Amino acid sequence: MKLSVIGCGYLGAVHASAMAELGHEVVGIDVDPSKVEALQAGRPPFYEPGLPEVLTSAGATGRLRFSTDIAEVADATVHFIAVGTPQSADGYAADLKYVDAAIEALLPYLKEGDLIVGKSTVPVGTARRLADRIAESGTGARLAWNPEFLREGYAVKDTIEPDRLVYGVGDERDVEVLDGVYATAIGAGTPRIVTDYATAELVKVAANAFLATKISFINAMAEIAEVTGADITSLADAIGHDARIGRRFLNAGVGFGGGCLPKDIRAFTARAEELGRGESVAFLKEVDAINLRRRVRVVDLAVDALGGAPYGKKVAVLGVTFKPHSDDVRDSPALDVAVQLKGLGADVVVTDPEGIDNARLRHPQLLYTSATEEALRHADLVVLVTEWPEYVGLDPAHVKSISRASVIIDGRNALDTEAWKAAGWSYVGMGRS
């Protein structure tokens, strides 16, 4: 099939590359010439494991190309919208200007029977509004909504081998078209849910709201554990054996971040309030508040570990991305902790395998190094806030030998507690006894 993907950021670049890898002919469109040039050359403008290989292999077939010229979509029959929906500058609602602009840019090139497929995360009601706009244009094109469920660090696999497919359609003919796009996944037995626009839009934000709630729940329990002497990891193990609850996403720590969960639960809250049902998701405000409190808790623990006097003390912050296997620092708890400690006068040295360049663009006042040993050398305190494998696997005895620190704060409860204690460290976890 001939496909176009409008917007070649994280979602769009992965989707375009994966679709070409699956055998479709794909053109990716973006307004940023430098991004297009990099992708055309097989260089992703962001870090995502597996993407360079797929870009290269798909590009070599001739089935994948990238352009800034929207006119190049004219031969495609299915057009994916994969632009960003950031939080509005003046509130919590999603900013839909890029989605609206993508639709308007497409309209002159649409043909009878073309299908526009929304993948961007949008407030419920957006698809119906866009479908009406497309109908008014007289092009004969239709709209479907097909939310993405990508995990950063596993996005290529999640696109080629999705755990489910959701089609929000206004016309049953569009099911057959989407089945053609995803024929490989369907042939492999991937579950497929066909529903209406509103449900498809809600699936993504509901899933993210649930995951955020689960993370904040265990972090709320960690707050109780910290004042009672309970151990949050043992508690999570115990309740996680209940099949109705499950152990995944029950790791207490510094909380969630990134470009999806924080903005999506805020946009969901804003949209519910617009619909007159704000009370239905009012709990998400507390979910957000708990999440932000855990960052402050790590900072408080750091100040305590430095005897209440952080000024001039060297603090090694291990990790700056919101999760490992990513270079994404959007709403990153790790970066937030580093900035807060810097604001208290500490000499903060941040290290990360992939996120330094992005972090420096946002907070150039911090000192960055890609060398873990440089960050650790002569440090008065070590704080782990992103559980990269190289940090989890550090030799505590070696770290002890090159730093001045006696305390390590494990903001992800990812370290081997006993090994660090045996090496002479005072180990401070999140909700750990």
Protein backbone atom coordinates (compact mmCIF):
# COMPACT_ATOMS: atom_id res chain seq x y z
CA MET A 1 0.00 0.00 0.00
CA LYS A 2 1.05 3.61 -0.51
CA LEU A 3 1.09 5.49 2.79
CA SER A 4 2.03 8.94 4.01
CA VAL A 5 2.95 9.91 7.56
CA ILE A 6 2.50 13.56 8.49
CA GLY A 7 4.85 14.54 11.29
CA CYS A 8 8.19 12.77 11.69
CA GLY A 9 8.94 13.22 15.35
CA TYR A 10 9.20 10.26 17.69
CA LEU A 11 5.87 8.67 16.71
CA GLY A 12 5.94 9.52 13.02
CA ALA A 13 9.52 8.50 12.28
CA VAL A 14 9.05 5.13 13.97
CA HIS A 15 5.70 4.52 12.29
CA ALA A 16 6.93 5.46 8.82
CA SER A 17 10.04 3.28 9.12
CA ALA A 18 8.16 0.29 10.51
CA MET A 19 5.45 0.46 7.85
CA ALA A 20 8.10 0.50 5.12
CA GLU A 21 9.88 -2.41 6.80
CA LEU A 22 6.59 -4.32 6.61
CA GLY A 23 6.44 -3.81 2.83
CA HIS A 24 4.42 -0.63 2.31
CA GLU A 25 5.60 2.32 0.23
CA VAL A 26 5.87 5.26 2.64
CA VAL A 27 6.61 8.96 2.46
CA GLY A 28 7.19 10.83 5.71
CA ILE A 29 6.44 14.56 5.74
CA ASP A 30 7.81 17.10 8.20
CA VAL A 31 8.28 20.87 8.19
CA ASP A 32 11.77 20.65 9.73
CA PRO A 33 14.38 20.36 6.92
CA SER A 34 17.16 19.20 9.25
CA LYS A 35 14.99 16.39 10.63
CA VAL A 36 14.02 15.28 7.13
CA GLU A 37 17.65 15.36 5.97
CA ALA A 38 18.75 13.23 8.93
CA LEU A 39 15.99 10.67 8.45
CA GLN A 40 16.60 10.46 4.72
CA ALA A 41 20.24 9.70 5.52
CA GLY A 42 19.21 6.98 7.97
CA ARG A 43 20.07 8.99 11.10
CA PRO A 44 17.24 9.31 13.64
CA PRO A 45 17.17 12.77 15.29
CA PHE A 46 16.49 11.05 18.63
CA TYR A 47 17.65 7.90 20.40
CA GLU A 48 15.48 4.83 19.99
CA PRO A 49 16.98 1.32 20.04
CA GLY A 50 16.47 -0.49 16.74
CA LEU A 51 15.34 2.53 14.76
CA PRO A 52 18.64 3.20 12.91
CA GLU A 53 18.65 -0.39 11.65
CA VAL A 54 15.04 -0.22 10.44
CA LEU A 55 15.61 3.18 8.82
CA THR A 56 18.60 1.79 6.97
CA SER A 57 17.01 -1.47 5.87
CA ALA A 58 13.72 0.11 4.83
CA GLY A 59 15.49 2.97 3.09
CA ALA A 60 17.64 0.54 1.10
CA THR A 61 14.52 -1.03 -0.41
CA GLY A 62 13.43 2.28 -1.90
CA ARG A 63 10.09 2.02 -0.11
CA LEU A 64 10.84 4.78 2.42
CA ARG A 65 11.54 8.42 1.83
CA PHE A 66 11.16 11.69 3.73
CA SER A 67 10.32 15.16 2.46
CA THR A 68 9.26 18.66 3.46
CA ASP A 69 6.96 18.89 0.42
CA ILE A 70 3.38 18.00 1.36
CA ALA A 71 2.57 17.54 -2.35
CA GLU A 72 4.47 14.25 -2.24
CA VAL A 73 1.52 12.65 -0.43
CA ALA A 74 -0.57 12.83 -3.61
CA ASP A 75 0.06 9.20 -4.61
CA ALA A 76 -0.73 7.80 -1.16
CA THR A 77 -4.16 6.46 -0.29
CA VAL A 78 -3.74 6.23 3.49
CA HIS A 79 -2.42 9.24 5.41
CA PHE A 80 -1.34 8.94 9.04
CA ILE A 81 -1.40 11.99 11.31
CA ALA A 82 1.45 11.68 13.81
CA VAL A 83 2.08 15.26 14.93
CA GLY A 84 2.53 16.38 18.52
CA THR A 85 -0.25 17.51 20.85
CA PRO A 86 1.69 19.34 23.56
CA GLN A 87 0.23 20.87 26.68
CA SER A 88 -1.09 24.37 26.03
CA ALA A 89 1.09 27.22 27.18
CA ASP A 90 -1.74 28.74 29.21
CA GLY A 91 -3.27 25.65 30.82
CA TYR A 92 -3.54 21.86 30.98
CA ALA A 93 -5.52 21.33 27.76
CA ALA A 94 -3.87 19.78 24.70
CA ASP A 95 -2.76 22.18 21.98
CA LEU A 96 -4.26 20.90 18.72
CA LYS A 97 -2.79 23.45 16.34
CA TYR A 98 -0.43 20.90 14.74
CA VAL A 99 -3.22 18.38 14.19
CA ASP A 100 -5.47 21.02 12.63
CA ALA A 101 -2.60 22.30 10.46
CA ALA A 102 -1.82 18.79 9.24
CA ILE A 103 -5.43 18.22 8.16
CA GLU A 104 -5.61 21.55 6.36
CA ALA A 105 -2.31 20.88 4.59
CA LEU A 106 -3.56 17.49 3.42
CA LEU A 107 -6.93 18.59 2.05
CA PRO A 108 -5.72 19.86 -1.37
CA TYR A 109 -4.10 16.48 -2.11
CA LEU A 110 -6.86 14.12 -1.02
CA LYS A 111 -8.78 11.94 -3.44
CA GLU A 112 -12.08 10.09 -3.34
CA GLY A 113 -11.68 7.07 -1.08
CA ASP A 114 -8.50 8.24 0.65
CA LEU A 115 -8.32 7.49 4.35
CA ILE A 116 -6.82 9.84 6.93
CA VAL A 117 -5.79 7.95 10.06
CA GLY A 118 -5.17 9.83 13.27
CA LYS A 119 -2.49 8.43 15.56
CA SER A 120 -1.84 11.52 17.67
CA THR A 121 -3.22 11.53 21.23
CA VAL A 122 -6.13 13.99 21.21
CA PRO A 123 -9.01 15.01 23.50
CA VAL A 124 -12.19 13.04 22.99
CA GLY A 125 -14.39 14.76 20.41
CA THR A 126 -11.49 15.82 18.18
CA ALA A 127 -11.96 13.07 15.61
CA ARG A 128 -15.64 13.89 15.08
CA ARG A 129 -14.77 17.56 14.54
CA LEU A 130 -12.03 16.65 12.05
CA ALA A 131 -14.29 14.16 10.25
CA ASP A 132 -16.86 16.91 9.75
CA ARG A 133 -14.15 19.23 8.38
CA ILE A 134 -13.00 16.56 5.91
CA ALA A 135 -16.59 15.90 4.82
CA GLU A 136 -17.14 19.63 4.26
CA SER A 137 -14.08 19.77 2.00
CA GLY A 138 -15.82 17.67 -0.65
CA THR A 139 -12.73 15.55 -1.27
CA GLY A 140 -14.51 12.24 -0.68
CA ALA A 141 -11.84 11.24 1.85
CA ARG A 142 -12.72 9.70 5.21
CA LEU A 143 -11.24 9.65 8.72
CA ALA A 144 -10.34 6.86 11.14
CA TRP A 145 -8.64 7.03 14.54
CA ASN A 146 -5.96 4.48 15.35
CA PRO A 147 -4.22 5.33 18.64
CA GLU A 148 -0.62 4.32 19.28
CA PHE A 149 0.59 2.44 22.34
CA LEU A 150 4.35 2.79 22.01
CA ARG A 151 6.81 2.39 24.85
CA GLU A 152 9.94 4.46 24.43
CA GLY A 153 12.85 2.09 24.12
CA TYR A 154 10.61 -0.55 22.50
CA ALA A 155 8.79 1.54 19.92
CA VAL A 156 9.93 -0.33 16.82
CA LYS A 157 8.85 -3.68 18.24
CA ASP A 158 5.58 -2.20 19.50
CA THR A 159 4.80 -0.92 15.97
CA ILE A 160 5.72 -4.09 14.09
CA GLU A 161 4.34 -6.45 16.74
CA PRO A 162 1.61 -4.47 18.57
CA ASP A 163 -0.18 -6.01 21.54
CA ARG A 164 -3.51 -4.73 20.20
CA LEU A 165 -4.98 -2.68 17.35
CA VAL A 166 -7.78 -0.19 17.91
CA TYR A 167 -9.77 1.20 14.97
CA GLY A 168 -12.12 4.11 15.56
CA VAL A 169 -14.12 4.31 12.33
CA GLY A 170 -17.07 6.18 10.90
CA ASP A 171 -17.42 3.87 7.90
CA GLU A 172 -17.12 0.06 7.91
CA ARG A 173 -15.16 0.22 4.64
CA ASP A 174 -12.25 1.65 6.59
CA VAL A 175 -11.82 -1.55 8.59
CA GLU A 176 -10.74 -3.36 5.43
CA VAL A 177 -8.28 -0.59 4.59
CA LEU A 178 -6.69 -0.68 8.05
CA ASP A 179 -6.60 -4.47 7.95
CA GLY A 180 -4.51 -4.11 4.80
CA VAL A 181 -2.09 -1.76 6.54
CA TYR A 182 -1.71 -4.09 9.52
CA ALA A 183 -1.99 -7.40 7.65
CA THR A 184 1.23 -8.76 9.19
CA ALA A 185 0.13 -8.09 12.77
CA ILE A 186 -3.37 -9.41 12.14
CA GLY A 187 -1.95 -12.52 10.54
CA ALA A 188 0.12 -13.05 13.70
CA GLY A 189 -3.04 -13.00 15.82
CA THR A 190 -2.91 -9.46 17.21
CA PRO A 191 -6.27 -8.61 18.85
CA ARG A 192 -8.27 -6.01 16.93
CA ILE A 193 -10.94 -3.78 18.45
CA VAL A 194 -13.24 -1.94 16.03
CA THR A 195 -15.15 0.89 17.66
CA ASP A 196 -16.29 4.49 17.28
CA TYR A 197 -14.22 7.67 17.27
CA ALA A 198 -14.84 8.63 20.87
CA THR A 199 -13.92 5.24 22.28
CA ALA A 200 -10.74 5.07 20.22
CA GLU A 201 -9.71 8.50 21.48
CA LEU A 202 -10.46 7.54 25.08
CA VAL A 203 -8.56 4.24 24.90
CA LYS A 204 -5.16 5.94 24.83
CA VAL A 205 -5.79 8.52 27.54
CA ALA A 206 -7.61 5.99 29.72
CA ALA A 207 -4.67 3.59 29.46
CA ASN A 208 -2.18 6.31 30.38
CA ALA A 209 -4.39 7.52 33.23
CA PHE A 210 -4.56 3.98 34.61
CA LEU A 211 -0.80 3.47 34.44
CA ALA A 212 -0.15 6.87 36.03
CA THR A 213 -2.62 6.05 38.79
CA LYS A 214 -0.97 2.69 39.48
CA ILE A 215 2.47 4.33 39.74
CA SER A 216 1.22 7.10 42.00
CA PHE A 217 -0.66 4.58 44.14
CA ILE A 218 2.50 2.66 44.99
CA ASN A 219 4.33 5.94 45.58
CA ALA A 220 1.57 7.02 47.96
CA MET A 221 2.08 3.73 49.80
CA ALA A 222 5.81 4.51 49.86
CA GLU A 223 5.02 7.75 51.69
CA ILE A 224 3.22 5.73 54.34
CA ALA A 225 6.02 3.16 54.45
CA GLU A 226 8.57 5.89 55.09
CA VAL A 227 6.86 7.00 58.30
CA THR A 228 5.98 3.52 59.57
CA GLY A 229 9.14 1.54 58.86
CA ALA A 230 7.45 -0.70 56.29
CA ASP A 231 9.27 -1.78 53.14
CA ILE A 232 7.54 -0.76 49.92
CA THR A 233 9.28 -3.34 47.74
CA SER A 234 8.11 -6.23 49.91
CA LEU A 235 4.64 -4.69 50.00
CA ALA A 236 4.57 -4.40 46.19
CA ASP A 237 5.73 -8.01 45.84
CA ALA A 238 2.99 -9.17 48.18
CA ILE A 239 0.09 -7.35 46.56
CA GLY A 240 1.50 -7.96 43.07
CA HIS A 241 0.88 -11.69 43.45
CA ASP A 242 -2.83 -10.92 43.29
CA ALA A 243 -3.69 -11.51 39.63
CA ARG A 244 -6.25 -8.71 39.81
CA ILE A 245 -3.48 -6.24 40.68
CA GLY A 246 -0.28 -7.55 39.08
CA ARG A 247 3.31 -6.56 39.86
CA ARG A 248 4.07 -4.40 36.81
CA PHE A 249 4.14 -0.62 37.36
CA LEU A 250 4.30 -1.16 41.13
CA ASN A 251 7.91 -0.03 41.50
CA ALA A 252 8.04 2.90 43.91
CA GLY A 253 10.51 5.64 43.13
CA VAL A 254 10.86 9.17 41.92
CA GLY A 255 7.78 8.89 39.71
CA PHE A 256 6.84 9.07 36.06
CA GLY A 257 7.71 11.63 33.41
CA GLY A 258 8.16 11.86 29.66
CA GLY A 259 6.10 13.33 26.88
CA CYS A 260 2.96 11.23 27.40
CA LEU A 261 1.77 10.38 30.91
CA PRO A 262 2.07 13.83 32.54
CA LYS A 263 0.56 15.83 29.69
CA ASP A 264 -2.08 13.21 28.86
CA ILE A 265 -3.55 13.01 32.36
CA ARG A 266 -3.59 16.81 32.56
CA ALA A 267 -5.27 17.12 29.15
CA PHE A 268 -7.76 14.40 30.12
CA THR A 269 -8.66 16.35 33.25
CA ALA A 270 -9.07 19.56 31.27
CA ARG A 271 -11.28 17.88 28.67
CA ALA A 272 -13.47 16.25 31.34
CA GLU A 273 -14.00 19.65 32.89
CA GLU A 274 -14.98 21.08 29.49
CA LEU A 275 -17.52 18.29 29.18
CA GLY A 276 -18.96 19.06 32.60
CA ARG A 277 -17.60 15.84 34.10
CA GLY A 278 -14.53 17.09 35.88
CA GLU A 279 -15.49 15.24 39.05
CA SER A 280 -15.16 11.91 37.20
CA VAL A 281 -11.39 12.29 36.86
CA ALA A 282 -10.70 14.68 39.73
CA PHE A 283 -8.52 11.98 41.29
CA LEU A 284 -6.01 12.48 38.45
CA LYS A 285 -5.04 15.82 39.99
CA GLU A 286 -3.93 13.95 43.11
CA VAL A 287 -2.16 11.37 40.93
CA ASP A 288 -0.21 14.25 39.39
CA ALA A 289 0.45 15.83 42.81
CA ILE A 290 1.78 12.57 44.29
CA ASN A 291 4.06 12.18 41.30
CA LEU A 292 5.53 15.65 41.71
CA ARG A 293 5.94 15.15 45.48
CA ARG A 294 8.27 12.21 44.94
CA ARG A 295 10.74 14.48 43.17
CA VAL A 296 10.73 16.82 46.13
CA ARG A 297 11.19 13.82 48.41
CA VAL A 298 14.42 12.84 46.64
CA VAL A 299 15.69 16.40 47.00
CA ASP A 300 14.81 16.42 50.71
CA LEU A 301 16.63 13.11 51.19
CA ALA A 302 19.67 14.56 49.43
CA VAL A 303 19.69 17.65 51.62
CA ASP A 304 19.43 15.46 54.73
CA ALA A 305 22.28 13.27 53.53
CA LEU A 306 24.42 16.40 53.13
CA GLY A 307 23.77 17.42 56.73
CA GLY A 308 21.27 20.09 55.73
CA ALA A 309 24.01 22.08 53.97
CA PRO A 310 24.05 21.30 50.22
CA TYR A 311 25.83 24.54 49.24
CA GLY A 312 29.13 23.80 47.51
CA LYS A 313 28.81 20.02 47.88
CA LYS A 314 29.39 17.89 44.80
CA VAL A 315 26.34 15.76 43.98
CA ALA A 316 26.63 13.11 41.27
CA VAL A 317 23.24 12.64 39.60
CA LEU A 318 23.10 9.37 37.68
CA GLY A 319 20.65 9.73 34.83
CA VAL A 320 18.76 12.63 33.31
CA THR A 321 16.21 10.99 30.99
CA PHE A 322 12.75 10.13 32.28
CA LYS A 323 13.46 6.41 31.72
CA PRO A 324 16.35 4.28 30.46
CA HIS A 325 16.85 3.41 26.77
CA SER A 326 15.65 6.87 25.71
CA ASP A 327 17.08 10.37 25.25
CA ASP A 328 13.77 12.00 26.23
CA VAL A 329 14.04 14.55 29.04
CA ARG A 330 10.52 15.98 28.75
CA ASP A 331 9.07 16.34 32.23
CA SER A 332 11.90 14.13 33.47
CA PRO A 333 11.95 13.55 37.25
CA ALA A 334 15.70 13.04 37.03
CA LEU A 335 16.31 16.42 35.40
CA ASP A 336 13.91 18.08 37.84
CA VAL A 337 15.83 16.67 40.82
CA ALA A 338 19.13 17.89 39.38
CA VAL A 339 17.77 21.39 38.77
CA GLN A 340 16.30 21.63 42.27
CA LEU A 341 19.58 20.56 43.88
CA LYS A 342 21.46 23.10 41.76
CA GLY A 343 19.00 25.75 42.94
CA LEU A 344 19.91 24.91 46.54
CA GLY A 345 23.56 25.63 45.84
CA ALA A 346 24.93 22.13 45.28
CA ASP A 347 27.60 21.54 42.65
CA VAL A 348 25.54 19.13 40.56
CA VAL A 349 27.28 16.93 37.99
CA VAL A 350 24.86 15.02 35.76
CA THR A 351 25.74 12.00 33.66
CA ASP A 352 23.60 10.01 31.23
CA PRO A 353 24.34 7.69 28.29
CA GLU A 354 21.96 9.40 25.84
CA GLY A 355 20.14 12.42 27.28
CA ILE A 356 22.85 14.99 27.90
CA ASP A 357 22.42 17.02 24.71
CA ASN A 358 18.65 17.36 25.20
CA ALA A 359 19.06 18.19 28.89
CA ARG A 360 21.67 20.83 28.18
CA LEU A 361 19.30 22.60 25.78
CA ARG A 362 16.74 22.91 28.58
CA HIS A 363 19.04 23.54 31.53
CA PRO A 364 22.49 24.75 30.46
CA GLN A 365 23.28 25.83 34.03
CA LEU A 366 24.00 22.24 35.03
CA LEU A 367 27.38 20.55 34.61
CA TYR A 368 27.18 17.49 32.36
CA THR A 369 29.56 14.67 31.61
CA SER A 370 29.17 11.47 29.62
CA ALA A 371 31.84 9.82 31.79
CA THR A 372 30.26 8.17 34.82
CA GLU A 373 33.56 8.07 36.70
CA GLU A 374 34.05 11.81 36.24
CA ALA A 375 30.65 12.45 37.81
CA LEU A 376 31.39 10.12 40.70
CA ARG A 377 34.96 11.22 41.41
CA HIS A 378 35.15 13.17 44.70
CA ALA A 379 31.35 13.35 44.89
CA ASP A 380 29.93 14.07 48.34
CA LEU A 381 26.65 12.34 47.47
CA VAL A 382 25.46 9.94 44.77
CA VAL A 383 21.84 10.04 43.57
CA LEU A 384 20.51 7.48 41.09
CA VAL A 385 17.40 8.77 39.32
CA THR A 386 17.33 6.90 36.01
CA GLU A 387 17.87 3.15 36.17
CA TRP A 388 20.21 2.74 33.20
CA PRO A 389 21.80 -0.76 33.33
CA GLU A 390 25.29 0.72 33.63
CA TYR A 391 24.28 2.53 36.82
CA VAL A 392 22.39 -0.38 38.32
CA GLY A 393 25.45 -2.54 37.65
CA LEU A 394 28.02 -0.21 39.23
CA ASP A 395 30.52 -1.82 41.61
CA PRO A 396 29.75 -0.19 44.99
CA ALA A 397 33.28 -0.80 46.26
CA HIS A 398 34.78 0.96 43.25
CA VAL A 399 32.39 3.90 43.59
CA LYS A 400 33.40 4.11 47.24
CA SER A 401 37.07 4.26 46.30
CA ILE A 402 36.74 7.24 43.94
CA SER A 403 34.13 9.35 45.74
CA ARG A 404 33.91 11.09 49.10
CA ALA A 405 30.32 9.94 49.54
CA SER A 406 29.05 7.61 52.22
CA VAL A 407 25.37 7.81 51.19
CA ILE A 408 23.71 6.71 47.98
CA ILE A 409 20.10 7.67 47.27
CA ASP A 410 18.37 5.15 45.06
CA GLY A 411 15.50 7.10 43.49
CA ARG A 412 14.35 4.03 41.55
CA ASN A 413 14.81 1.25 44.13
CA ALA A 414 16.87 -0.45 41.44
CA LEU A 415 20.14 -1.19 43.24
CA ASP A 416 21.23 -4.29 45.15
CA THR A 417 20.65 -2.95 48.65
CA GLU A 418 22.74 -5.54 50.46
CA ALA A 419 25.70 -5.21 48.10
CA TRP A 420 25.88 -1.45 48.64
CA LYS A 421 25.55 -1.79 52.39
CA ALA A 422 28.25 -4.48 52.44
CA ALA A 423 30.58 -2.06 50.66
CA GLY A 424 30.12 0.46 53.47
CA TRP A 425 27.41 2.64 52.02
CA SER A 426 24.41 4.10 53.77
CA TYR A 427 21.68 3.10 51.35
CA VAL A 428 18.58 5.32 51.12
CA GLY A 429 15.73 4.04 48.96
CA MET A 430 12.20 5.24 48.33
CA GLY A 431 9.87 3.75 50.92
CA ARG A 432 12.50 1.21 51.94
CA SER A 433 13.04 0.18 55.54
